[in-house]
Every structure is written in structure tokens, then in C-alpha cells.
Amino acid sequence: MLLRKQYAVSNFVATALRNREIRVRGNPNTVRTYLDQSDLGSWLLRILEVNNPTSSPVLDVGSEVPVKIQELAEFVSGETGAAIVYEPTSEVADVYVPDTTRTRELYRVAENVVWQDSVSRMIRLARTT
């Protein structure tokens, strides 16, 4: 993870609930992934449980389901009623999707929660705080 980067999911949800507006700055075709926190937790616990001497010290953990930033903004907008404001730039769309094949095979883990269900749950929980 890049330490100084902002994360679209939490930013979109927080600003949608606070300001009723989602701002998409940059290329809306940028692609990221989102792994539900319960899947992430179970993956990390499984990796800690299994003593696998052949495993690499570096493992990819995450979703392999690509999501365009525009698709994410539209989903959060649909769930919250927030408007979307696009501030596009001429930058080329960046794509990042981890290859978790080795992690899934070595540790027998899988992604169980689709990103839409996870984001909907995040929004419901955020509304209660």
C-alpha cells in the first residue's frame, strides 16, 4: 500500500454521507480492487496459522475483481443519494489488480464477499455512528 494515497471507498462513503457529494478527481477509468474486511481478516489469520516453509515472504493479499473508480462512485451515489462531481484530468487511467493466485493456492483462501455487499454494509454502519 502506498502510504500517502487516499482510498476511494472510504473517501467516497464519508463524503457522500457528510456532504451529499462525491468528488472524482483524476481519470474515472482508473481501476482498483476492494477486499472486504472479513475476507482480509480471514486471509491474514490463515496465513499466520499455516507454517509453510515454501511460502514467499511477500504475499499478494486482495481482491482480483477490478472496479473502475467511476463504477464505485456511481454505486455509492446510488446507495446514498449523493451527487457525483467529476474533475477529470488528462492522466492515463491507472490499473492495479493484485495477482493472488499463489496466496489462494498455498493457503486455501478465497474471496467470499463481493465489493458491492461490503460497501453497502460500510454505508449502513457509517450511518449509525
C-alpha atoms as a PDB file:
ATOM      1  CA  MET A   1       0.000   0.000   0.000  1.00  0.00           C
ATOM      2  CA  LEU A   2       1.182   3.464  -0.762  1.00  0.00           C
ATOM      3  CA  LEU A   3       1.201   5.422   2.484  1.00  0.00           C
ATOM      4  CA  ARG A   4       0.300   8.835   1.092  1.00  0.00           C
ATOM      5  CA  LYS A   5      -2.525   7.735  -1.180  1.00  0.00           C
ATOM      6  CA  GLN A   6      -6.160   8.261  -0.339  1.00  0.00           C
ATOM      7  CA  TYR A   7      -8.550   5.370  -0.667  1.00  0.00           C
ATOM      8  CA  ALA A   8     -11.615   5.817  -2.837  1.00  0.00           C
ATOM      9  CA  VAL A   9     -14.074   3.569  -0.980  1.00  0.00           C
ATOM     10  CA  SER A  10     -13.797   5.173   2.453  1.00  0.00           C
ATOM     11  CA  ASN A  11     -13.409   8.658   0.990  1.00  0.00           C
ATOM     12  CA  PHE A  12     -16.481   8.305  -1.221  1.00  0.00           C
ATOM     13  CA  VAL A  13     -18.620   6.904   1.602  1.00  0.00           C
ATOM     14  CA  ALA A  14     -17.522   9.516   4.143  1.00  0.00           C
ATOM     15  CA  THR A  15     -18.010  12.491   1.833  1.00  0.00           C
ATOM     16  CA  ALA A  16     -21.285  11.131   0.462  1.00  0.00           C
ATOM     17  CA  LEU A  17     -22.745  10.855   3.957  1.00  0.00           C
ATOM     18  CA  ARG A  18     -21.252  14.127   5.194  1.00  0.00           C
ATOM     19  CA  ASN A  19     -21.548  16.430   2.168  1.00  0.00           C
ATOM     20  CA  ARG A  20     -24.014  14.544  -0.051  1.00  0.00           C
ATOM     21  CA  GLU A  21     -21.458  14.849  -2.838  1.00  0.00           C
ATOM     22  CA  ILE A  22     -18.745  12.567  -4.223  1.00  0.00           C
ATOM     23  CA  ARG A  23     -15.770  14.131  -5.983  1.00  0.00           C
ATOM     24  CA  VAL A  24     -13.895  12.067  -8.554  1.00  0.00           C
ATOM     25  CA  ARG A  25     -10.557  13.761  -9.181  1.00  0.00           C
ATOM     26  CA  GLY A  26      -8.465  12.326 -11.987  1.00  0.00           C
ATOM     27  CA  ASN A  27      -9.260   9.701 -14.567  1.00  0.00           C
ATOM     28  CA  PRO A  28     -12.583   7.994 -13.674  1.00  0.00           C
ATOM     29  CA  ASN A  29     -11.444   4.891 -15.577  1.00  0.00           C
ATOM     30  CA  THR A  30      -8.703   4.219 -13.027  1.00  0.00           C
ATOM     31  CA  VAL A  31      -9.079   0.658 -11.736  1.00  0.00           C
ATOM     32  CA  ARG A  32      -8.626  -0.608  -8.200  1.00  0.00           C
ATOM     33  CA  THR A  33      -9.904  -3.538  -6.166  1.00  0.00           C
ATOM     34  CA  TYR A  34     -11.561  -3.814  -2.782  1.00  0.00           C
ATOM     35  CA  LEU A  35     -11.327  -6.798  -0.428  1.00  0.00           C
ATOM     36  CA  ASP A  36     -13.918  -6.955   2.345  1.00  0.00           C
ATOM     37  CA  GLN A  37     -12.504  -6.627   5.843  1.00  0.00           C
ATOM     38  CA  SER A  38     -13.848 -10.030   6.915  1.00  0.00           C
ATOM     39  CA  ASP A  39     -12.140 -11.688   3.935  1.00  0.00           C
ATOM     40  CA  LEU A  40      -8.939  -9.760   4.667  1.00  0.00           C
ATOM     41  CA  GLY A  41      -9.051 -10.830   8.316  1.00  0.00           C
ATOM     42  CA  SER A  42      -9.611 -14.497   7.496  1.00  0.00           C
ATOM     43  CA  TRP A  43      -6.816 -14.436   4.904  1.00  0.00           C
ATOM     44  CA  LEU A  44      -4.349 -12.927   7.357  1.00  0.00           C
ATOM     45  CA  LEU A  45      -5.311 -15.340  10.136  1.00  0.00           C
ATOM     46  CA  ARG A  46      -4.956 -18.306   7.771  1.00  0.00           C
ATOM     47  CA  ILE A  47      -1.511 -17.124   6.665  1.00  0.00           C
ATOM     48  CA  LEU A  48      -0.441 -16.843  10.331  1.00  0.00           C
ATOM     49  CA  GLU A  49      -1.884 -20.283  11.188  1.00  0.00           C
ATOM     50  CA  VAL A  50      -0.132 -22.204   8.428  1.00  0.00           C
ATOM     51  CA  ASN A  51       3.549 -22.827   8.840  1.00  0.00           C
ATOM     52  CA  ASN A  52       4.545 -23.089   5.173  1.00  0.00           C
ATOM     53  CA  PRO A  53       8.315 -23.073   4.734  1.00  0.00           C
ATOM     54  CA  THR A  54       7.983 -22.822   0.938  1.00  0.00           C
ATOM     55  CA  SER A  55       5.953 -19.631   1.054  1.00  0.00           C
ATOM     56  CA  SER A  56       7.401 -16.404  -0.164  1.00  0.00           C
ATOM     57  CA  PRO A  57       7.974 -13.687   2.442  1.00  0.00           C
ATOM     58  CA  VAL A  58       5.910 -11.413   0.180  1.00  0.00           C
ATOM     59  CA  LEU A  59       2.313 -12.425  -0.500  1.00  0.00           C
ATOM     60  CA  ASP A  60      -0.328 -10.635  -2.514  1.00  0.00           C
ATOM     61  CA  VAL A  61      -3.482 -10.217  -0.468  1.00  0.00           C
ATOM     62  CA  GLY A  62      -6.519  -8.579  -2.003  1.00  0.00           C
ATOM     63  CA  SER A  63      -9.345  -8.858  -4.449  1.00  0.00           C
ATOM     64  CA  GLU A  64      -8.794  -9.723  -8.088  1.00  0.00           C
ATOM     65  CA  VAL A  65     -12.091  -8.114  -9.097  1.00  0.00           C
ATOM     66  CA  PRO A  66     -11.359  -4.864 -10.960  1.00  0.00           C
ATOM     67  CA  VAL A  67     -13.547  -1.865 -10.188  1.00  0.00           C
ATOM     68  CA  LYS A  68     -13.412   1.414 -12.100  1.00  0.00           C
ATOM     69  CA  ILE A  69     -13.464   4.490  -9.877  1.00  0.00           C
ATOM     70  CA  GLN A  70     -16.468   5.737 -11.852  1.00  0.00           C
ATOM     71  CA  GLU A  71     -18.337   2.474 -11.149  1.00  0.00           C
ATOM     72  CA  LEU A  72     -17.543   2.781  -7.451  1.00  0.00           C
ATOM     73  CA  ALA A  73     -18.695   6.423  -7.347  1.00  0.00           C
ATOM     74  CA  GLU A  74     -21.943   5.531  -9.115  1.00  0.00           C
ATOM     75  CA  PHE A  75     -22.578   2.662  -6.696  1.00  0.00           C
ATOM     76  CA  VAL A  76     -22.002   4.831  -3.601  1.00  0.00           C
ATOM     77  CA  SER A  77     -24.157   7.551  -5.151  1.00  0.00           C
ATOM     78  CA  GLY A  78     -26.965   5.055  -5.733  1.00  0.00           C
ATOM     79  CA  GLU A  79     -26.758   3.821  -2.137  1.00  0.00           C
ATOM     80  CA  THR A  80     -26.604   7.274  -0.536  1.00  0.00           C
ATOM     81  CA  GLY A  81     -28.303   9.638  -2.968  1.00  0.00           C
ATOM     82  CA  ALA A  82     -25.141  11.761  -3.139  1.00  0.00           C
ATOM     83  CA  ALA A  83     -24.336  13.710  -6.294  1.00  0.00           C
ATOM     84  CA  ILE A  84     -21.151  12.934  -8.223  1.00  0.00           C
ATOM     85  CA  VAL A  85     -18.844  15.742  -9.328  1.00  0.00           C
ATOM     86  CA  TYR A  86     -16.209  14.750 -11.879  1.00  0.00           C
ATOM     87  CA  GLU A  87     -12.938  16.664 -12.009  1.00  0.00           C
ATOM     88  CA  PRO A  88     -11.237  14.734 -14.818  1.00  0.00           C
ATOM     89  CA  THR A  89      -7.612  15.125 -15.791  1.00  0.00           C
ATOM     90  CA  SER A  90      -5.709  14.077 -18.877  1.00  0.00           C
ATOM     91  CA  GLU A  91      -3.743  11.435 -16.983  1.00  0.00           C
ATOM     92  CA  VAL A  92      -3.870   7.897 -18.274  1.00  0.00           C
ATOM     93  CA  ALA A  93      -6.087   5.533 -16.288  1.00  0.00           C
ATOM     94  CA  ASP A  94      -4.024   3.587 -13.778  1.00  0.00           C
ATOM     95  CA  VAL A  95      -4.854  -0.089 -13.261  1.00  0.00           C
ATOM     96  CA  TYR A  96      -3.896  -2.101 -10.194  1.00  0.00           C
ATOM     97  CA  VAL A  97      -5.215  -5.611  -9.619  1.00  0.00           C
ATOM     98  CA  PRO A  98      -3.096  -7.921  -7.444  1.00  0.00           C
ATOM     99  CA  ASP A  99      -2.324 -11.468  -8.563  1.00  0.00           C
ATOM    100  CA  THR A 100      -3.296 -13.535  -5.527  1.00  0.00           C
ATOM    101  CA  THR A 101      -3.075 -16.925  -7.234  1.00  0.00           C
ATOM    102  CA  ARG A 102      -0.143 -18.122  -5.143  1.00  0.00           C
ATOM    103  CA  THR A 103      -1.659 -16.899  -1.877  1.00  0.00           C
ATOM    104  CA  ARG A 104      -5.013 -18.540  -2.638  1.00  0.00           C
ATOM    105  CA  GLU A 105      -3.363 -21.843  -3.603  1.00  0.00           C
ATOM    106  CA  LEU A 106      -0.872 -22.019  -0.723  1.00  0.00           C
ATOM    107  CA  TYR A 107      -3.321 -21.025   1.993  1.00  0.00           C
ATOM    108  CA  ARG A 108      -6.642 -22.176   0.528  1.00  0.00           C
ATOM    109  CA  VAL A 109      -8.294 -18.787   0.935  1.00  0.00           C
ATOM    110  CA  ALA A 110     -10.993 -17.245  -1.194  1.00  0.00           C
ATOM    111  CA  GLU A 111     -12.858 -14.009  -1.617  1.00  0.00           C
ATOM    112  CA  ASN A 112     -16.337 -14.575  -0.190  1.00  0.00           C
ATOM    113  CA  VAL A 113     -17.879 -11.099  -0.023  1.00  0.00           C
ATOM    114  CA  VAL A 114     -18.479  -9.128  -3.228  1.00  0.00           C
ATOM    115  CA  TRP A 115     -17.388  -5.499  -3.076  1.00  0.00           C
ATOM    116  CA  GLN A 116     -20.928  -4.146  -3.502  1.00  0.00           C
ATOM    117  CA  ASP A 117     -22.155  -6.006  -0.406  1.00  0.00           C
ATOM    118  CA  SER A 118     -19.136  -4.839   1.563  1.00  0.00           C
ATOM    119  CA  VAL A 119     -19.591  -1.184   0.585  1.00  0.00           C
ATOM    120  CA  SER A 120     -23.327  -1.359   1.348  1.00  0.00           C
ATOM    121  CA  ARG A 121     -22.508  -2.699   4.812  1.00  0.00           C
ATOM    122  CA  MET A 122     -19.927   0.077   5.308  1.00  0.00           C
ATOM    123  CA  ILE A 123     -22.559   2.672   4.441  1.00  0.00           C
ATOM    124  CA  ARG A 124     -25.132   1.143   6.825  1.00  0.00           C
ATOM    125  CA  LEU A 125     -22.579   1.089   9.650  1.00  0.00           C
ATOM    126  CA  ALA A 126     -21.402   4.637   8.945  1.00  0.00           C
ATOM    127  CA  ARG A 127     -24.977   5.891   9.166  1.00  0.00           C
ATOM    128  CA  THR A 128     -25.286   4.515  12.699  1.00  0.00           C
ATOM    129  CA  THR A 129     -22.282   6.404  14.064  1.00  0.00           C
END
